[in-house]
Amino acid sequence: MQNYENLANAIIIQAVKDYRETVMWLNAHRPLCLEDEQDCEYIKMVSEKTSIERFFLGDWFSMLTKLDGKSLLAKLKSEVV
């Protein structure tokens, strides 16, 4: 059971790190025009952010931990604004 908990914690910690990095990248690369919004790298990062947010709010997150994903996401959003 301990190995399962370690793996679950590692998955969540990595998602937190990925979210922070993604949002920091997006903050540093804010689009200045429509062409910037259509840039492949920008689109990829927006998609990554959305995917991680869905993870925190989804069933798999709830199966991995007793943490409240909605609260965790709100805390992360307040950190990286």
PDB file of N, CA and C in Angstrom:
ATOM      1  N   MET A   1       0.825  -1.197   0.000  1.00  0.00           N
ATOM      2  CA  MET A   1       0.000   0.000   0.000  1.00  0.00           C
ATOM      3  C   MET A   1       0.873   1.267   0.000  1.00  0.00           C
ATOM      4  N   GLN A   2       2.006   1.203   0.679  1.00  0.00           N
ATOM      5  CA  GLN A   2       2.904   2.348   0.744  1.00  0.00           C
ATOM      6  C   GLN A   2       3.418   2.735  -0.644  1.00  0.00           C
ATOM      7  N   ASN A   3       3.724   1.747  -1.478  1.00  0.00           N
ATOM      8  CA  ASN A   3       4.200   2.036  -2.832  1.00  0.00           C
ATOM      9  C   ASN A   3       3.142   2.765  -3.653  1.00  0.00           C
ATOM     10  N   TYR A   4       1.883   2.353  -3.489  1.00  0.00           N
ATOM     11  CA  TYR A   4       0.777   3.016  -4.178  1.00  0.00           C
ATOM     12  C   TYR A   4       0.683   4.470  -3.732  1.00  0.00           C
ATOM     13  N   GLU A   5       0.773   4.716  -2.446  1.00  0.00           N
ATOM     14  CA  GLU A   5       0.685   6.080  -1.924  1.00  0.00           C
ATOM     15  C   GLU A   5       1.848   6.934  -2.419  1.00  0.00           C
ATOM     16  N   ASN A   6       3.033   6.348  -2.456  1.00  0.00           N
ATOM     17  CA  ASN A   6       4.197   7.079  -2.966  1.00  0.00           C
ATOM     18  C   ASN A   6       4.013   7.458  -4.430  1.00  0.00           C
ATOM     19  N   LEU A   7       3.526   6.527  -5.226  1.00  0.00           N
ATOM     20  CA  LEU A   7       3.280   6.797  -6.641  1.00  0.00           C
ATOM     21  C   LEU A   7       2.203   7.865  -6.813  1.00  0.00           C
ATOM     22  N   ALA A   8       1.117   7.751  -6.060  1.00  0.00           N
ATOM     23  CA  ALA A   8       0.034   8.736  -6.140  1.00  0.00           C
ATOM     24  C   ALA A   8       0.550  10.125  -5.777  1.00  0.00           C
ATOM     25  N   ASN A   9       1.330  10.210  -4.716  1.00  0.00           N
ATOM     26  CA  ASN A   9       1.893  11.499  -4.305  1.00  0.00           C
ATOM     27  C   ASN A   9       2.829  12.059  -5.364  1.00  0.00           C
ATOM     28  N   ALA A  10       3.635  11.199  -5.953  1.00  0.00           N
ATOM     29  CA  ALA A  10       4.569  11.644  -6.998  1.00  0.00           C
ATOM     30  C   ALA A  10       3.812  12.181  -8.215  1.00  0.00           C
ATOM     31  N   ILE A  11       2.719  11.553  -8.576  1.00  0.00           N
ATOM     32  CA  ILE A  11       1.916  12.005  -9.721  1.00  0.00           C
ATOM     33  C   ILE A  11       1.352  13.396  -9.430  1.00  0.00           C
ATOM     34  N   ILE A  12       0.838  13.589  -8.228  1.00  0.00           N
ATOM     35  CA  ILE A  12       0.244  14.870  -7.859  1.00  0.00           C
ATOM     36  C   ILE A  12       1.312  15.961  -7.786  1.00  0.00           C
ATOM     37  N   ILE A  13       2.449  15.647  -7.187  1.00  0.00           N
ATOM     38  CA  ILE A  13       3.538  16.625  -7.092  1.00  0.00           C
ATOM     39  C   ILE A  13       4.010  17.035  -8.481  1.00  0.00           C
ATOM     40  N   GLN A  14       4.126  16.089  -9.391  1.00  0.00           N
ATOM     41  CA  GLN A  14       4.542  16.413 -10.755  1.00  0.00           C
ATOM     42  C   GLN A  14       3.506  17.285 -11.450  1.00  0.00           C
ATOM     43  N   ALA A  15       2.229  17.003 -11.227  1.00  0.00           N
ATOM     44  CA  ALA A  15       1.180  17.829 -11.828  1.00  0.00           C
ATOM     45  C   ALA A  15       1.250  19.259 -11.300  1.00  0.00           C
ATOM     46  N   VAL A  16       1.526  19.422 -10.020  1.00  0.00           N
ATOM     47  CA  VAL A  16       1.663  20.759  -9.435  1.00  0.00           C
ATOM     48  C   VAL A  16       2.848  21.490 -10.077  1.00  0.00           C
ATOM     49  N   LYS A  17       3.983  20.812 -10.187  1.00  0.00           N
ATOM     50  CA  LYS A  17       5.165  21.415 -10.809  1.00  0.00           C
ATOM     51  C   LYS A  17       4.876  21.792 -12.257  1.00  0.00           C
ATOM     52  N   ASP A  18       4.256  20.881 -13.001  1.00  0.00           N
ATOM     53  CA  ASP A  18       3.939  21.139 -14.411  1.00  0.00           C
ATOM     54  C   ASP A  18       2.996  22.328 -14.549  1.00  0.00           C
ATOM     55  N   TYR A  19       2.007  22.404 -13.657  1.00  0.00           N
ATOM     56  CA  TYR A  19       1.051  23.511 -13.722  1.00  0.00           C
ATOM     57  C   TYR A  19       1.758  24.843 -13.492  1.00  0.00           C
ATOM     58  N   ARG A  20       2.579  24.897 -12.454  1.00  0.00           N
ATOM     59  CA  ARG A  20       3.306  26.138 -12.152  1.00  0.00           C
ATOM     60  C   ARG A  20       4.178  26.561 -13.332  1.00  0.00           C
ATOM     61  N   GLU A  21       4.926  25.628 -13.897  1.00  0.00           N
ATOM     62  CA  GLU A  21       5.806  25.937 -15.033  1.00  0.00           C
ATOM     63  C   GLU A  21       5.015  26.400 -16.241  1.00  0.00           C
ATOM     64  N   THR A  22       3.907  25.745 -16.503  1.00  0.00           N
ATOM     65  CA  THR A  22       3.076  26.090 -17.657  1.00  0.00           C
ATOM     66  C   THR A  22       2.497  27.489 -17.515  1.00  0.00           C
ATOM     67  N   VAL A  23       1.960  27.789 -16.346  1.00  0.00           N
ATOM     68  CA  VAL A  23       1.367  29.113 -16.137  1.00  0.00           C
ATOM     69  C   VAL A  23       2.444  30.197 -16.165  1.00  0.00           C
ATOM     70  N   MET A  24       3.604  29.920 -15.602  1.00  0.00           N
ATOM     71  CA  MET A  24       4.691  30.905 -15.661  1.00  0.00           C
ATOM     72  C   MET A  24       5.110  31.154 -17.111  1.00  0.00           C
ATOM     73  N   TRP A  25       5.168  30.096 -17.921  1.00  0.00           N
ATOM     74  CA  TRP A  25       5.503  30.253 -19.333  1.00  0.00           C
ATOM     75  C   TRP A  25       4.451  31.122 -20.025  1.00  0.00           C
ATOM     76  N   LEU A  26       3.175  30.800 -19.773  1.00  0.00           N
ATOM     77  CA  LEU A  26       2.092  31.567 -20.397  1.00  0.00           C
ATOM     78  C   LEU A  26       2.123  33.033 -19.959  1.00  0.00           C
ATOM     79  N   ASN A  27       2.443  33.289 -18.701  1.00  0.00           N
ATOM     80  CA  ASN A  27       2.537  34.670 -18.222  1.00  0.00           C
ATOM     81  C   ASN A  27       3.680  35.415 -18.913  1.00  0.00           C
ATOM     82  N   ALA A  28       4.754  34.723 -19.190  1.00  0.00           N
ATOM     83  CA  ALA A  28       5.913  35.341 -19.830  1.00  0.00           C
ATOM     84  C   ALA A  28       5.734  35.500 -21.335  1.00  0.00           C
ATOM     85  N   HIS A  29       4.789  34.773 -21.909  1.00  0.00           N
ATOM     86  CA  HIS A  29       4.589  34.791 -23.365  1.00  0.00           C
ATOM     87  C   HIS A  29       3.155  35.190 -23.727  1.00  0.00           C
ATOM     88  N   ARG A  30       2.670  36.214 -23.074  1.00  0.00           N
ATOM     89  CA  ARG A  30       1.303  36.661 -23.357  1.00  0.00           C
ATOM     90  C   ARG A  30       1.208  37.113 -24.814  1.00  0.00           C
ATOM     91  N   PRO A  31       0.152  36.679 -25.485  1.00  0.00           N
ATOM     92  CA  PRO A  31       0.015  37.062 -26.895  1.00  0.00           C
ATOM     93  C   PRO A  31      -0.258  38.556 -27.045  1.00  0.00           C
ATOM     94  N   LEU A  32       0.415  39.158 -28.004  1.00  0.00           N
ATOM     95  CA  LEU A  32       0.241  40.583 -28.273  1.00  0.00           C
ATOM     96  C   LEU A  32      -0.680  40.827 -29.466  1.00  0.00           C
ATOM     97  N   CYS A  33      -0.892  39.770 -30.239  1.00  0.00           N
ATOM     98  CA  CYS A  33      -1.750  39.893 -31.409  1.00  0.00           C
ATOM     99  C   CYS A  33      -2.331  38.517 -31.743  1.00  0.00           C
ATOM    100  N   LEU A  34      -3.211  38.487 -32.724  1.00  0.00           N
ATOM    101  CA  LEU A  34      -3.848  37.239 -33.122  1.00  0.00           C
ATOM    102  C   LEU A  34      -2.828  36.212 -33.583  1.00  0.00           C
ATOM    103  N   GLU A  35      -1.804  36.665 -34.269  1.00  0.00           N
ATOM    104  CA  GLU A  35      -0.759  35.752 -34.747  1.00  0.00           C
ATOM    105  C   GLU A  35      -0.074  35.047 -33.576  1.00  0.00           C
ATOM    106  N   ASP A  36       0.165  35.780 -32.490  1.00  0.00           N
ATOM    107  CA  ASP A  36       0.767  35.175 -31.295  1.00  0.00           C
ATOM    108  C   ASP A  36      -0.137  34.096 -30.709  1.00  0.00           C
ATOM    109  N   GLU A  37      -1.449  34.338 -30.721  1.00  0.00           N
ATOM    110  CA  GLU A  37      -2.410  33.364 -30.186  1.00  0.00           C
ATOM    111  C   GLU A  37      -2.459  32.094 -31.027  1.00  0.00           C
ATOM    112  N   GLN A  38      -2.058  32.187 -32.279  1.00  0.00           N
ATOM    113  CA  GLN A  38      -2.097  31.042 -33.184  1.00  0.00           C
ATOM    114  C   GLN A  38      -0.762  30.302 -33.247  1.00  0.00           C
ATOM    115  N   ASP A  39       0.216  30.775 -32.490  1.00  0.00           N
ATOM    116  CA  ASP A  39       1.524  30.126 -32.435  1.00  0.00           C
ATOM    117  C   ASP A  39       1.380  28.723 -31.843  1.00  0.00           C
ATOM    118  N   CYS A  40       2.018  27.755 -32.462  1.00  0.00           N
ATOM    119  CA  CYS A  40       1.890  26.355 -32.043  1.00  0.00           C
ATOM    120  C   CYS A  40       2.321  26.143 -30.589  1.00  0.00           C
ATOM    121  N   GLU A  41       3.404  26.763 -30.187  1.00  0.00           N
ATOM    122  CA  GLU A  41       3.892  26.600 -28.815  1.00  0.00           C
ATOM    123  C   GLU A  41       2.903  27.188 -27.809  1.00  0.00           C
ATOM    124  N   TYR A  42       2.338  28.338 -28.127  1.00  0.00           N
ATOM    125  CA  TYR A  42       1.348  28.959 -27.246  1.00  0.00           C
ATOM    126  C   TYR A  42       0.104  28.072 -27.124  1.00  0.00           C
ATOM    127  N   ILE A  43      -0.372  27.571 -28.238  1.00  0.00           N
ATOM    128  CA  ILE A  43      -1.546  26.695 -28.233  1.00  0.00           C
ATOM    129  C   ILE A  43      -1.271  25.441 -27.415  1.00  0.00           C
ATOM    130  N   LYS A  44      -0.078  24.876 -27.571  1.00  0.00           N
ATOM    131  CA  LYS A  44       0.305  23.678 -26.818  1.00  0.00           C
ATOM    132  C   LYS A  44       0.293  23.955 -25.309  1.00  0.00           C
ATOM    133  N   MET A  45       0.809  25.094 -24.907  1.00  0.00           N
ATOM    134  CA  MET A  45       0.878  25.414 -23.482  1.00  0.00           C
ATOM    135  C   MET A  45      -0.504  25.696 -22.893  1.00  0.00           C
ATOM    136  N   VAL A  46      -1.364  26.344 -23.650  1.00  0.00           N
ATOM    137  CA  VAL A  46      -2.737  26.565 -23.193  1.00  0.00           C
ATOM    138  C   VAL A  46      -3.441  25.219 -23.018  1.00  0.00           C
ATOM    139  N   SER A  47      -3.222  24.330 -23.958  1.00  0.00           N
ATOM    140  CA  SER A  47      -3.807  22.994 -23.890  1.00  0.00           C
ATOM    141  C   SER A  47      -3.285  22.226 -22.676  1.00  0.00           C
ATOM    142  N   GLU A  48      -1.999  22.344 -22.416  1.00  0.00           N
ATOM    143  CA  GLU A  48      -1.391  21.682 -21.259  1.00  0.00           C
ATOM    144  C   GLU A  48      -1.999  22.201 -19.955  1.00  0.00           C
ATOM    145  N   LYS A  49      -2.161  23.504 -19.853  1.00  0.00           N
ATOM    146  CA  LYS A  49      -2.763  24.113 -18.658  1.00  0.00           C
ATOM    147  C   LYS A  49      -4.174  23.581 -18.449  1.00  0.00           C
ATOM    148  N   THR A  50      -4.949  23.559 -19.500  1.00  0.00           N
ATOM    149  CA  THR A  50      -6.323  23.064 -19.428  1.00  0.00           C
ATOM    150  C   THR A  50      -6.360  21.597 -19.012  1.00  0.00           C
ATOM    151  N   SER A  51      -5.465  20.810 -19.567  1.00  0.00           N
ATOM    152  CA  SER A  51      -5.398  19.385 -19.250  1.00  0.00           C
ATOM    153  C   SER A  51      -5.074  19.158 -17.762  1.00  0.00           C
ATOM    154  N   ILE A  52      -4.135  19.910 -17.244  1.00  0.00           N
ATOM    155  CA  ILE A  52      -3.761  19.761 -15.836  1.00  0.00           C
ATOM    156  C   ILE A  52      -4.912  20.211 -14.934  1.00  0.00           C
ATOM    157  N   GLU A  53      -5.589  21.274 -15.312  1.00  0.00           N
ATOM    158  CA  GLU A  53      -6.745  21.726 -14.532  1.00  0.00           C
ATOM    159  C   GLU A  53      -7.832  20.648 -14.500  1.00  0.00           C
ATOM    160  N   ARG A  54      -8.076  20.010 -15.635  1.00  0.00           N
ATOM    161  CA  ARG A  54      -9.064  18.915 -15.677  1.00  0.00           C
ATOM    162  C   ARG A  54      -8.633  17.762 -14.772  1.00  0.00           C
ATOM    163  N   PHE A  55      -7.323  17.488 -14.727  1.00  0.00           N
ATOM    164  CA  PHE A  55      -6.813  16.434 -13.853  1.00  0.00           C
ATOM    165  C   PHE A  55      -7.154  16.731 -12.389  1.00  0.00           C
ATOM    166  N   PHE A  56      -6.878  17.978 -11.942  1.00  0.00           N
ATOM    167  CA  PHE A  56      -7.149  18.336 -10.552  1.00  0.00           C
ATOM    168  C   PHE A  56      -8.632  18.243 -10.207  1.00  0.00           C
ATOM    169  N   LEU A  57      -9.490  18.448 -11.185  1.00  0.00           N
ATOM    170  CA  LEU A  57     -10.933  18.441 -10.951  1.00  0.00           C
ATOM    171  C   LEU A  57     -11.588  17.103 -11.274  1.00  0.00           C
ATOM    172  N   GLY A  58     -10.806  16.156 -11.739  1.00  0.00           N
ATOM    173  CA  GLY A  58     -11.382  14.913 -12.236  1.00  0.00           C
ATOM    174  C   GLY A  58     -11.392  13.756 -11.259  1.00  0.00           C
ATOM    175  N   ASP A  59     -11.951  12.668 -11.749  1.00  0.00           N
ATOM    176  CA  ASP A  59     -12.111  11.455 -10.939  1.00  0.00           C
ATOM    177  C   ASP A  59     -10.778  10.796 -10.593  1.00  0.00           C
ATOM    178  N   TRP A  60      -9.836  10.830 -11.521  1.00  0.00           N
ATOM    179  CA  TRP A  60      -8.562  10.162 -11.248  1.00  0.00           C
ATOM    180  C   TRP A  60      -7.857  10.826 -10.071  1.00  0.00           C
ATOM    181  N   PHE A  61      -7.871  12.158 -10.025  1.00  0.00           N
ATOM    182  CA  PHE A  61      -7.273  12.872  -8.905  1.00  0.00           C
ATOM    183  C   PHE A  61      -7.934  12.428  -7.600  1.00  0.00           C
ATOM    184  N   SER A  62      -9.253  12.328  -7.616  1.00  0.00           N
ATOM    185  CA  SER A  62     -10.002  11.910  -6.424  1.00  0.00           C
ATOM    186  C   SER A  62      -9.656  10.492  -6.002  1.00  0.00           C
ATOM    187  N   MET A  63      -9.318   9.642  -6.956  1.00  0.00           N
ATOM    188  CA  MET A  63      -8.927   8.271  -6.617  1.00  0.00           C
ATOM    189  C   MET A  63      -7.519   8.225  -6.039  1.00  0.00           C
ATOM    190  N   LEU A  64      -6.670   9.172  -6.427  1.00  0.00           N
ATOM    191  CA  LEU A  64      -5.289   9.173  -5.965  1.00  0.00           C
ATOM    192  C   LEU A  64      -5.117   9.737  -4.561  1.00  0.00           C
ATOM    193  N   THR A  65      -6.009  10.655  -4.175  1.00  0.00           N
ATOM    194  CA  THR A  65      -5.807  11.373  -2.918  1.00  0.00           C
ATOM    195  C   THR A  65      -7.128  11.818  -2.309  1.00  0.00           C
ATOM    196  N   LYS A  66      -7.052  12.175  -1.045  1.00  0.00           N
ATOM    197  CA  LYS A  66      -8.223  12.732  -0.368  1.00  0.00           C
ATOM    198  C   LYS A  66      -8.203  14.258  -0.414  1.00  0.00           C
ATOM    199  N   LEU A  67      -7.168  14.827  -1.031  1.00  0.00           N
ATOM    200  CA  LEU A  67      -7.103  16.275  -1.180  1.00  0.00           C
ATOM    201  C   LEU A  67      -8.270  16.774  -2.020  1.00  0.00           C
ATOM    202  N   ASP A  68      -8.665  18.002  -1.782  1.00  0.00           N
ATOM    203  CA  ASP A  68      -9.709  18.641  -2.582  1.00  0.00           C
ATOM    204  C   ASP A  68      -9.036  19.286  -3.795  1.00  0.00           C
ATOM    205  N   GLY A  69      -9.242  18.716  -4.949  1.00  0.00           N
ATOM    206  CA  GLY A  69      -8.603  19.207  -6.166  1.00  0.00           C
ATOM    207  C   GLY A  69      -8.990  20.634  -6.505  1.00  0.00           C
ATOM    208  N   LYS A  70     -10.237  20.985  -6.245  1.00  0.00           N
ATOM    209  CA  LYS A  70     -10.709  22.340  -6.535  1.00  0.00           C
ATOM    210  C   LYS A  70      -9.967  23.357  -5.662  1.00  0.00           C
ATOM    211  N   SER A  71      -9.787  23.038  -4.392  1.00  0.00           N
ATOM    212  CA  SER A  71      -9.059  23.932  -3.482  1.00  0.00           C
ATOM    213  C   SER A  71      -7.586  24.027  -3.865  1.00  0.00           C
ATOM    214  N   LEU A  72      -6.993  22.891  -4.214  1.00  0.00           N
ATOM    215  CA  LEU A  72      -5.591  22.882  -4.624  1.00  0.00           C
ATOM    216  C   LEU A  72      -5.393  23.738  -5.870  1.00  0.00           C
ATOM    217  N   LEU A  73      -6.295  23.595  -6.829  1.00  0.00           N
ATOM    218  CA  LEU A  73      -6.197  24.382  -8.058  1.00  0.00           C
ATOM    219  C   LEU A  73      -6.356  25.873  -7.762  1.00  0.00           C
ATOM    220  N   ALA A  74      -7.277  26.217  -6.886  1.00  0.00           N
ATOM    221  CA  ALA A  74      -7.467  27.624  -6.517  1.00  0.00           C
ATOM    222  C   ALA A  74      -6.203  28.179  -5.868  1.00  0.00           C
ATOM    223  N   LYS A  75      -5.573  27.385  -5.016  1.00  0.00           N
ATOM    224  CA  LYS A  75      -4.337  27.823  -4.358  1.00  0.00           C
ATOM    225  C   LYS A  75      -3.230  28.019  -5.398  1.00  0.00           C
ATOM    226  N   LEU A  76      -3.113  27.087  -6.338  1.00  0.00           N
ATOM    227  CA  LEU A  76      -2.103  27.207  -7.385  1.00  0.00           C
ATOM    228  C   LEU A  76      -2.347  28.450  -8.243  1.00  0.00           C
ATOM    229  N   LYS A  77      -3.598  28.692  -8.581  1.00  0.00           N
ATOM    230  CA  LYS A  77      -3.917  29.863  -9.405  1.00  0.00           C
ATOM    231  C   LYS A  77      -3.552  31.157  -8.677  1.00  0.00           C
ATOM    232  N   SER A  78      -3.760  31.198  -7.374  1.00  0.00           N
ATOM    233  CA  SER A  78      -3.429  32.415  -6.620  1.00  0.00           C
ATOM    234  C   SER A  78      -1.917  32.605  -6.505  1.00  0.00           C
ATOM    235  N   GLU A  79      -1.160  31.525  -6.549  1.00  0.00           N
ATOM    236  CA  GLU A  79       0.303  31.589  -6.457  1.00  0.00           C
ATOM    237  C   GLU A  79       0.931  32.151  -7.722  1.00  0.00           C
ATOM    238  N   VAL A  80       0.395  31.787  -8.856  1.00  0.00           N
ATOM    239  CA  VAL A  80       1.064  32.067 -10.123  1.00  0.00           C
ATOM    240  C   VAL A  80       0.439  33.196 -10.934  1.00  0.00           C
ATOM    241  N   VAL A  81      -0.379  33.981 -10.300  1.00  0.00           N
ATOM    242  CA  VAL A  81      -1.041  35.098 -11.006  1.00  0.00           C
ATOM    243  C   VAL A  81      -0.057  36.142 -11.409  1.00  0.00           C
TER     244      VAL A  81
END
